[in-house]
Amino acid sequence: MEMREKIIIVGGGFAGLQLAKKLNNKNKKIIIIDKVNHHMFQPLFYQVACGRIEPSNISFPFRKIFQNSKNIRYRMTEVLKIIPEENKIITSTDETEFSYDKLIIATGCKTNFFGNETMEKLTFGMKNTQEAIAIRNHVLLTFEKLIMERKRSDDGNWNIVIVGSGPTGVELAGAFAEMKKDILPRDYPHMNFDDLKVILVSSTEKPLAVMSEESQIMSEKYLKDLGVQFMSGEYVTGYDGDKVVTKSGLEIPSNNVIWAAGVSGNVIDGLNPEILVRNRYKTDRFNRVQGYQNIFAIGDIAYMETPKYPQGHPQVANVAINQGKNLAKNLLKKSEKDWTEYEYEDRGSMATIGKHRAVVDLPKFKFQGFFAWYFWMFLHLMLILSVRNKLAIFFNWMWSYFNKDSSLRLIIIPNKKNGTVQ
């Protein structure tokens, strides 16, 4: 009897999940390893951070997704090291080892603090569900403390500073600005929110630097219409927990600083460090890691040079999803001679800045405003995995649309007991 090939997929983000789904119930033995037990729909993290949707609406347990699978198993642990010469990995659970025939690295990215440890310690990233919940907790706790302590509002304690003007930064700034205008005055009727500033610090002249000029101009207009203070061509150089310091010498008081200014690959020890390019594994056009016959990297962690993308592909969901699909097709073919090289087809990019305010760049045309906002909502709703979650998010969005409110502003702080979270 022919032995089934054993494939380990490390990471269940867009790339890893797509690969697993395409290999589901095929003649392969698949193990998914991830340190969290669920897939997360990252494009909507900002809505969790602003209390618009529940984390469970955009989180999908792996065991539920593959409940009826005959060939896929999931293990909740973290991969500490790859030993390529022995075809095995070592995990954090009592250093348990797993052997493989093929290893797929789909570990994605984490927030890049550019080596600034103080910034990493005191500011919030937003690359997983826990971080999005932490932002929601912290911002809401700020208002609860202020109303108890009766501090003056003009000391800047409640300013919300967002560093980085890519889609994450822009969407967060717009959502917090709408929260300030429509929700907080109703939640805290005796507080004056005029002094609360939502500040977006951008190293580029315009927000959304990777999008078209029209989208950049319109997104800046939308931000300013919502009352966001947009600081262009500015770099954050320090933060002590009370004041943000910029390169030009400005000091911005804030207890709520969110870092959305870049990402860095989640690299695993054990492979040749010379194949890393900007903390991503260099691969060939089949996503095979350079120098290794049976190790592959897909998604944000993969660096693949092509004639169209000589500097590697953008770290976006569409690239990850399609690399996962392409690798699955190749792995199911009988011979490697029949494998297809990966070619990225850019289907466009988009961002939403608030109600009826969005920008969409498609390959053939670009549009902004009312229609772009509906287009953004429809597309994101379609990408959500389950019908139940689609309905939950749609209901929350409709409620918010008509009432300019949501009922999800829960402050949930884990209890610590004997050093463990209960």
Protein backbone atom coordinates (compact mmCIF):
# COMPACT_ATOMS: atom_id res chain seq x y z
CA MET A 1 0.00 0.00 0.00
CA GLU A 2 1.35 3.42 -1.01
CA MET A 3 2.27 5.67 1.89
CA ARG A 4 0.59 9.06 1.84
CA GLU A 5 2.90 12.05 1.64
CA LYS A 6 3.05 13.94 4.94
CA ILE A 7 2.80 17.72 4.61
CA ILE A 8 3.13 20.10 7.55
CA ILE A 9 1.68 23.59 7.16
CA VAL A 10 3.00 26.06 9.73
CA GLY A 11 0.49 28.91 10.08
CA GLY A 12 -3.21 29.12 9.33
CA GLY A 13 -3.48 32.63 7.90
CA PHE A 14 -4.81 33.38 4.41
CA ALA A 15 -2.02 31.40 2.66
CA GLY A 16 -1.90 28.37 4.95
CA LEU A 17 -5.67 28.03 5.21
CA GLN A 18 -6.18 28.29 1.45
CA LEU A 19 -3.53 25.62 0.85
CA ALA A 20 -5.10 23.31 3.44
CA LYS A 21 -8.61 23.76 2.01
CA LYS A 22 -7.38 22.84 -1.48
CA LEU A 23 -5.64 19.72 -0.10
CA ASN A 24 -8.64 18.72 2.01
CA ASN A 25 -9.70 15.07 1.50
CA LYS A 26 -6.91 14.51 -1.05
CA ASN A 27 -4.38 11.69 -0.88
CA LYS A 28 -2.04 13.61 1.44
CA LYS A 29 -1.58 13.56 5.21
CA ILE A 30 -1.80 17.19 6.38
CA ILE A 31 -0.95 18.68 9.77
CA ILE A 32 -1.70 22.36 10.41
CA ILE A 33 0.37 23.85 13.23
CA ASP A 34 -0.56 27.25 14.67
CA LYS A 35 -0.08 28.81 18.11
CA VAL A 36 -3.69 30.04 18.09
CA ASN A 37 -6.63 27.72 17.46
CA HIS A 38 -8.35 29.83 14.83
CA HIS A 39 -7.98 31.59 11.49
CA MET A 40 -8.40 35.38 11.74
CA PHE A 41 -9.83 37.67 9.08
CA GLN A 42 -7.26 40.44 9.48
CA PRO A 43 -8.81 43.15 7.24
CA LEU A 44 -11.54 43.69 9.86
CA PHE A 45 -9.33 43.81 12.97
CA TYR A 46 -9.75 47.57 13.07
CA GLN A 47 -13.53 47.09 13.57
CA VAL A 48 -12.86 44.85 16.57
CA ALA A 49 -10.50 47.51 17.97
CA CYS A 50 -13.28 50.12 17.66
CA GLY A 51 -16.01 47.91 19.16
CA ARG A 52 -17.98 47.58 15.93
CA ILE A 53 -17.91 43.81 15.60
CA GLU A 54 -17.17 40.93 17.94
CA PRO A 55 -13.84 39.06 17.62
CA SER A 56 -15.80 35.80 17.18
CA ASN A 57 -17.38 37.22 13.99
CA ILE A 58 -14.01 37.24 12.22
CA SER A 59 -12.40 34.22 13.92
CA PHE A 60 -12.81 30.67 12.65
CA PRO A 61 -11.60 27.67 14.73
CA PHE A 62 -9.48 25.28 12.67
CA ARG A 63 -11.15 22.26 14.24
CA LYS A 64 -14.53 23.58 13.12
CA ILE A 65 -13.32 24.38 9.57
CA PHE A 66 -11.89 20.86 9.13
CA GLN A 67 -14.44 19.00 11.25
CA ASN A 68 -15.35 16.66 8.40
CA SER A 69 -11.86 16.28 6.94
CA LYS A 70 -10.42 12.80 6.54
CA ASN A 71 -6.80 13.88 6.10
CA ILE A 72 -6.23 17.16 7.98
CA ARG A 73 -5.19 17.37 11.62
CA TYR A 74 -4.55 20.49 13.69
CA ARG A 75 -2.02 20.94 16.52
CA MET A 76 -1.94 24.04 18.74
CA THR A 77 1.71 24.81 19.39
CA GLU A 78 4.52 27.06 18.17
CA VAL A 79 7.32 25.88 15.89
CA LEU A 80 10.65 26.80 17.49
CA LYS A 81 13.10 25.29 15.03
CA ILE A 82 13.37 23.53 11.69
CA ILE A 83 15.97 20.75 11.31
CA PRO A 84 16.00 20.44 7.50
CA GLU A 85 18.67 17.70 7.30
CA GLU A 86 16.42 15.44 9.42
CA ASN A 87 13.11 16.59 7.88
CA LYS A 88 11.65 17.51 11.23
CA ILE A 89 10.50 20.48 13.29
CA ILE A 90 10.66 21.13 17.05
CA THR A 91 7.70 22.76 18.78
CA SER A 92 7.23 24.63 22.05
CA THR A 93 5.05 21.91 23.65
CA ASP A 94 7.71 20.01 25.64
CA GLU A 95 9.88 20.26 22.51
CA THR A 96 7.63 17.78 20.70
CA GLU A 97 9.01 16.83 17.28
CA PHE A 98 7.09 16.37 14.02
CA SER A 99 8.57 14.78 10.93
CA TYR A 100 7.55 15.79 7.40
CA ASP A 101 7.96 14.92 3.75
CA LYS A 102 7.21 18.51 2.76
CA LEU A 103 7.17 21.58 4.98
CA ILE A 104 5.15 24.70 4.13
CA ILE A 105 6.01 27.88 6.04
CA ALA A 106 3.02 30.24 6.12
CA THR A 107 3.81 32.12 9.33
CA GLY A 108 2.88 35.58 8.04
CA CYS A 109 4.03 38.79 9.68
CA LYS A 110 4.15 40.65 12.95
CA THR A 111 4.26 44.39 13.62
CA ASN A 112 7.65 45.89 12.78
CA PHE A 113 8.86 48.28 15.48
CA PHE A 114 12.20 48.73 13.65
CA GLY A 115 14.22 47.60 16.67
CA ASN A 116 12.69 50.15 19.05
CA GLU A 117 12.02 48.06 22.18
CA THR A 118 10.40 50.93 24.13
CA MET A 119 7.93 51.50 21.30
CA GLU A 120 7.19 47.77 21.17
CA LYS A 121 6.53 47.70 24.91
CA LEU A 122 4.35 50.82 25.18
CA THR A 123 2.40 50.99 21.91
CA PHE A 124 -0.17 48.64 20.40
CA GLY A 125 0.26 46.62 17.25
CA MET A 126 -2.72 45.11 15.43
CA LYS A 127 -1.70 41.83 13.84
CA ASN A 128 -3.90 39.42 15.82
CA THR A 129 -7.23 39.22 17.66
CA GLN A 130 -5.65 39.69 21.08
CA GLU A 131 -3.99 42.95 20.00
CA ALA A 132 -7.25 44.29 18.52
CA ILE A 133 -9.09 43.50 21.79
CA ALA A 134 -6.24 45.10 23.77
CA ILE A 135 -6.68 48.35 21.80
CA ARG A 136 -10.44 48.34 22.46
CA ASN A 137 -9.89 47.71 26.17
CA HIS A 138 -7.21 50.35 26.55
CA VAL A 139 -9.02 53.14 24.70
CA LEU A 140 -12.28 52.54 26.60
CA LEU A 141 -10.43 52.28 29.92
CA THR A 142 -8.87 55.68 29.23
CA PHE A 143 -12.34 57.29 29.22
CA GLU A 144 -13.44 55.37 32.31
CA LYS A 145 -10.36 56.54 34.21
CA LEU A 146 -10.77 60.13 33.06
CA ILE A 147 -14.37 60.34 34.22
CA MET A 148 -13.35 58.96 37.64
CA GLU A 149 -10.23 61.08 38.08
CA ARG A 150 -11.87 64.20 36.68
CA LYS A 151 -8.66 65.16 34.93
CA ARG A 152 -8.57 68.09 32.59
CA SER A 153 -9.10 66.96 29.03
CA ASP A 154 -6.54 69.35 27.57
CA ASP A 155 -3.55 67.43 28.96
CA GLY A 156 -3.83 65.20 25.92
CA ASN A 157 -4.38 62.07 27.98
CA TRP A 158 -7.06 60.82 25.67
CA ASN A 159 -5.55 61.68 22.30
CA ILE A 160 -5.45 58.67 19.98
CA VAL A 161 -2.25 58.61 17.93
CA ILE A 162 -1.96 56.19 15.02
CA VAL A 163 1.48 55.76 13.45
CA GLY A 164 1.43 54.72 9.78
CA SER A 165 -0.94 55.74 6.99
CA GLY A 166 -1.42 52.48 5.10
CA PRO A 167 -4.90 50.90 4.95
CA THR A 168 -4.78 49.79 8.63
CA GLY A 169 -3.84 53.26 9.90
CA VAL A 170 -6.33 55.09 7.70
CA GLU A 171 -9.22 52.75 8.53
CA LEU A 172 -8.50 52.95 12.27
CA ALA A 173 -8.28 56.77 12.18
CA GLY A 174 -11.60 57.04 10.34
CA ALA A 175 -13.33 54.61 12.70
CA PHE A 176 -12.08 56.35 15.85
CA ALA A 177 -13.07 59.76 14.42
CA GLU A 178 -16.62 58.47 13.83
CA MET A 179 -16.64 57.00 17.34
CA LYS A 180 -15.67 60.39 18.78
CA LYS A 181 -18.42 62.14 16.82
CA ASP A 182 -21.35 59.71 17.10
CA ILE A 183 -20.81 57.30 19.99
CA LEU A 184 -18.69 58.69 22.82
CA PRO A 185 -20.87 61.79 23.51
CA ARG A 186 -23.83 59.42 24.09
CA ASP A 187 -21.83 57.02 26.26
CA TYR A 188 -20.29 59.82 28.31
CA PRO A 189 -22.85 62.67 28.21
CA HIS A 190 -21.06 64.78 30.84
CA MET A 191 -17.69 64.77 29.12
CA ASN A 192 -16.55 67.22 26.48
CA PHE A 193 -14.81 65.44 23.62
CA ASP A 194 -13.75 68.56 21.71
CA ASP A 195 -10.20 68.13 23.00
CA LEU A 196 -9.93 64.50 21.95
CA LYS A 197 -7.77 64.43 18.84
CA VAL A 198 -7.39 61.52 16.47
CA ILE A 199 -3.89 62.02 15.03
CA LEU A 200 -2.51 60.06 12.07
CA VAL A 201 1.27 60.32 11.74
CA SER A 202 2.47 59.52 8.22
CA SER A 203 6.03 59.25 6.89
CA THR A 204 4.65 59.96 3.38
CA GLU A 205 3.10 63.16 2.05
CA LYS A 206 -0.29 61.55 1.44
CA PRO A 207 -2.10 58.61 3.09
CA LEU A 208 -2.33 55.26 1.26
CA ALA A 209 0.97 55.82 -0.58
CA VAL A 210 0.68 52.50 -2.48
CA MET A 211 -2.65 53.47 -4.05
CA SER A 212 -3.46 55.83 -6.95
CA GLU A 213 -3.06 59.59 -6.69
CA GLU A 214 -6.85 60.08 -6.83
CA SER A 215 -7.31 57.70 -3.89
CA GLN A 216 -4.57 59.40 -1.90
CA ILE A 217 -6.09 62.86 -2.41
CA MET A 218 -9.62 61.68 -1.60
CA SER A 219 -8.57 59.68 1.46
CA GLU A 220 -6.79 62.74 2.87
CA LYS A 221 -9.92 64.81 2.25
CA TYR A 222 -12.13 62.19 3.96
CA LEU A 223 -9.82 62.07 6.99
CA LYS A 224 -9.87 65.84 7.35
CA ASP A 225 -13.67 65.92 6.88
CA LEU A 226 -13.94 63.55 9.84
CA GLY A 227 -11.68 65.76 11.93
CA VAL A 228 -8.58 63.55 11.85
CA GLN A 229 -5.35 65.50 12.26
CA PHE A 230 -3.12 64.24 9.43
CA MET A 231 0.61 64.81 9.98
CA SER A 232 2.41 64.21 6.69
CA GLY A 233 6.13 63.59 6.13
CA GLU A 234 6.66 62.96 9.81
CA TYR A 235 8.48 60.17 11.66
CA VAL A 236 7.91 59.01 15.23
CA THR A 237 11.27 58.66 16.99
CA GLY A 238 10.22 58.02 20.60
CA TYR A 239 7.45 57.39 23.09
CA ASP A 240 7.64 57.23 26.88
CA GLY A 241 4.05 56.25 27.64
CA ASP A 242 2.89 59.87 27.92
CA LYS A 243 4.35 61.75 24.96
CA VAL A 244 5.05 60.84 21.35
CA VAL A 245 8.21 62.51 19.98
CA THR A 246 8.64 63.11 16.25
CA LYS A 247 11.74 63.64 14.11
CA SER A 248 10.94 67.34 13.69
CA GLY A 249 10.86 67.76 17.49
CA LEU A 250 7.10 67.82 18.04
CA GLU A 251 5.74 66.33 21.26
CA ILE A 252 2.22 64.85 21.20
CA PRO A 253 0.68 63.88 24.56
CA SER A 254 -1.14 60.55 24.39
CA ASN A 255 -1.85 57.39 26.39
CA ASN A 256 -3.23 55.61 23.32
CA VAL A 257 -0.63 55.00 20.62
CA ILE A 258 -1.27 52.41 17.90
CA TRP A 259 1.64 51.32 15.72
CA ALA A 260 0.63 50.51 12.13
CA ALA A 261 3.89 51.50 10.43
CA GLY A 262 5.16 48.30 8.91
CA VAL A 263 5.47 44.53 9.24
CA SER A 264 8.25 42.00 9.66
CA GLY A 265 8.19 38.30 8.78
CA ASN A 266 7.74 35.62 11.47
CA VAL A 267 10.95 33.74 10.70
CA ILE A 268 11.64 30.29 12.22
CA ASP A 269 15.16 29.28 13.32
CA GLY A 270 16.99 26.56 11.47
CA LEU A 271 17.22 27.64 7.82
CA ASN A 272 20.18 29.37 6.18
CA PRO A 273 19.94 33.07 7.25
CA GLU A 274 21.49 34.14 3.91
CA ILE A 275 18.23 33.34 2.10
CA LEU A 276 16.34 36.00 4.09
CA VAL A 277 15.46 39.19 2.23
CA ARG A 278 13.91 41.85 4.50
CA ASN A 279 12.97 39.07 6.92
CA ARG A 280 11.24 36.99 4.25
CA TYR A 281 12.34 33.63 2.82
CA LYS A 282 13.61 33.89 -0.76
CA THR A 283 11.74 31.41 -2.96
CA ASP A 284 11.64 30.34 -6.60
CA ARG A 285 8.53 30.77 -8.76
CA PHE A 286 7.03 27.59 -7.24
CA ASN A 287 7.38 29.02 -3.70
CA ARG A 288 10.20 26.57 -2.94
CA VAL A 289 12.62 28.08 -0.41
CA GLN A 290 16.01 28.71 -1.99
CA GLY A 291 18.46 25.89 -1.21
CA TYR A 292 15.85 23.40 0.03
CA GLN A 293 14.13 20.75 -2.05
CA ASN A 294 11.10 20.04 0.18
CA ILE A 295 10.55 23.31 2.09
CA PHE A 296 8.20 25.99 0.76
CA ALA A 297 7.15 29.46 1.92
CA ILE A 298 3.86 31.15 0.97
CA GLY A 299 2.14 34.43 1.76
CA ASP A 300 3.70 37.38 3.58
CA ILE A 301 6.74 35.37 4.67
CA ALA A 302 7.70 34.51 1.06
CA TYR A 303 9.95 36.75 -1.04
CA MET A 304 9.60 35.88 -4.73
CA GLU A 305 11.19 37.98 -7.46
CA THR A 306 9.38 37.99 -10.80
CA PRO A 307 9.74 40.24 -13.89
CA LYS A 308 6.56 42.08 -12.83
CA TYR A 309 7.65 42.25 -9.17
CA PRO A 310 11.47 42.46 -9.06
CA GLN A 311 11.30 43.63 -5.40
CA GLY A 312 8.95 40.84 -4.30
CA HIS A 313 5.17 40.85 -4.03
CA PRO A 314 3.13 43.17 -1.83
CA GLN A 315 2.23 41.61 1.54
CA VAL A 316 -1.53 41.51 0.96
CA ALA A 317 -4.22 38.83 1.34
CA ASN A 318 -4.75 38.35 -2.40
CA VAL A 319 -1.11 37.31 -2.94
CA ALA A 320 -1.24 34.90 0.01
CA ILE A 321 -4.52 33.29 -1.06
CA ASN A 322 -3.37 32.72 -4.63
CA GLN A 323 0.07 31.42 -3.64
CA GLY A 324 -1.72 28.90 -1.42
CA LYS A 325 -4.00 27.85 -4.29
CA ASN A 326 -1.13 27.59 -6.80
CA LEU A 327 1.05 25.51 -4.50
CA ALA A 328 -1.86 23.15 -3.75
CA LYS A 329 -2.43 22.58 -7.49
CA ASN A 330 1.28 21.84 -7.95
CA LEU A 331 1.48 19.45 -5.00
CA LEU A 332 -1.46 17.46 -6.39
CA LYS A 333 0.21 16.94 -9.78
CA LYS A 334 1.99 13.64 -10.44
CA SER A 335 5.22 15.18 -11.65
CA GLU A 336 7.07 18.38 -10.81
CA LYS A 337 7.59 18.85 -14.55
CA ASP A 338 3.91 19.80 -14.74
CA TRP A 339 4.13 22.45 -12.03
CA THR A 340 2.92 25.97 -12.82
CA GLU A 341 4.93 29.04 -11.87
CA TYR A 342 3.16 31.57 -9.67
CA GLU A 343 2.12 34.81 -11.36
CA TYR A 344 0.37 37.49 -9.37
CA GLU A 345 -2.60 39.15 -10.98
CA ASP A 346 -3.22 42.43 -9.18
CA ARG A 347 -6.97 42.73 -8.68
CA GLY A 348 -6.71 46.13 -7.06
CA SER A 349 -6.75 47.59 -3.59
CA MET A 350 -9.21 49.47 -1.41
CA ALA A 351 -9.66 51.17 1.94
CA THR A 352 -12.58 52.59 3.87
CA ILE A 353 -12.28 55.80 5.87
CA GLY A 354 -15.79 55.94 7.31
CA LYS A 355 -19.46 55.83 6.40
CA HIS A 356 -19.93 56.54 2.65
CA ARG A 357 -16.19 57.26 2.43
CA ALA A 358 -13.99 54.70 0.72
CA VAL A 359 -11.45 54.49 -2.10
CA VAL A 360 -11.15 51.63 -4.60
CA ASP A 361 -8.42 51.10 -7.19
CA LEU A 362 -9.25 48.39 -9.72
CA PRO A 363 -6.96 47.51 -12.66
CA LYS A 364 -9.25 49.20 -15.21
CA PHE A 365 -10.79 52.07 -13.24
CA LYS A 366 -10.84 53.84 -9.90
CA PHE A 367 -13.71 55.25 -7.86
CA GLN A 368 -14.28 56.84 -4.47
CA GLY A 369 -17.08 57.78 -2.10
CA PHE A 370 -20.54 56.34 -1.64
CA PHE A 371 -20.40 53.53 -4.21
CA ALA A 372 -16.82 52.60 -3.23
CA TRP A 373 -17.96 52.21 0.37
CA TYR A 374 -20.74 49.75 -0.58
CA PHE A 375 -18.32 47.90 -2.86
CA TRP A 376 -15.83 47.57 0.03
CA MET A 377 -18.56 46.26 2.38
CA PHE A 378 -19.90 43.75 -0.14
CA LEU A 379 -16.46 42.34 -1.00
CA HIS A 380 -15.37 41.95 2.63
CA LEU A 381 -18.66 40.30 3.51
CA MET A 382 -18.23 37.80 0.68
CA LEU A 383 -14.72 36.90 1.89
CA ILE A 384 -15.95 35.97 5.40
CA LEU A 385 -15.92 32.18 5.75
CA SER A 386 -19.24 31.09 7.26
CA VAL A 387 -22.83 32.10 6.57
CA ARG A 388 -23.45 32.60 10.31
CA ASN A 389 -20.55 35.06 10.55
CA LYS A 390 -21.63 36.84 7.36
CA LEU A 391 -25.09 37.38 8.84
CA ALA A 392 -23.71 38.52 12.23
CA ILE A 393 -21.43 41.09 10.62
CA PHE A 394 -24.15 42.26 8.22
CA PHE A 395 -26.56 42.74 11.14
CA ASN A 396 -23.96 44.69 13.14
CA TRP A 397 -23.15 46.87 10.14
CA MET A 398 -26.82 47.62 9.44
CA TRP A 399 -27.49 48.42 13.10
CA SER A 400 -24.50 50.75 13.12
CA TYR A 401 -25.56 52.29 9.79
CA PHE A 402 -29.02 53.31 10.99
CA ASN A 403 -28.25 54.04 14.66
CA LYS A 404 -24.67 55.31 14.36
CA ASP A 405 -23.97 53.02 17.29
CA SER A 406 -23.05 49.50 18.35
CA SER A 407 -23.45 47.65 21.64
CA LEU A 408 -20.07 45.94 21.61
CA ARG A 409 -17.96 48.27 23.71
CA LEU A 410 -17.07 45.65 26.30
CA ILE A 411 -13.98 46.01 28.47
CA ILE A 412 -12.82 42.45 29.08
CA ILE A 413 -9.65 42.15 31.13
CA PRO A 414 -8.35 38.62 31.82
CA ASN A 415 -7.93 37.68 35.48
CA LYS A 416 -4.41 36.67 36.45
CA LYS A 417 -4.12 34.00 39.11
CA ASN A 418 -0.85 32.36 40.10
CA GLY A 419 0.79 33.76 37.00
CA THR A 420 -1.76 32.26 34.64
CA VAL A 421 -4.77 33.76 32.89
CA GLN A 422 -8.00 32.25 34.23
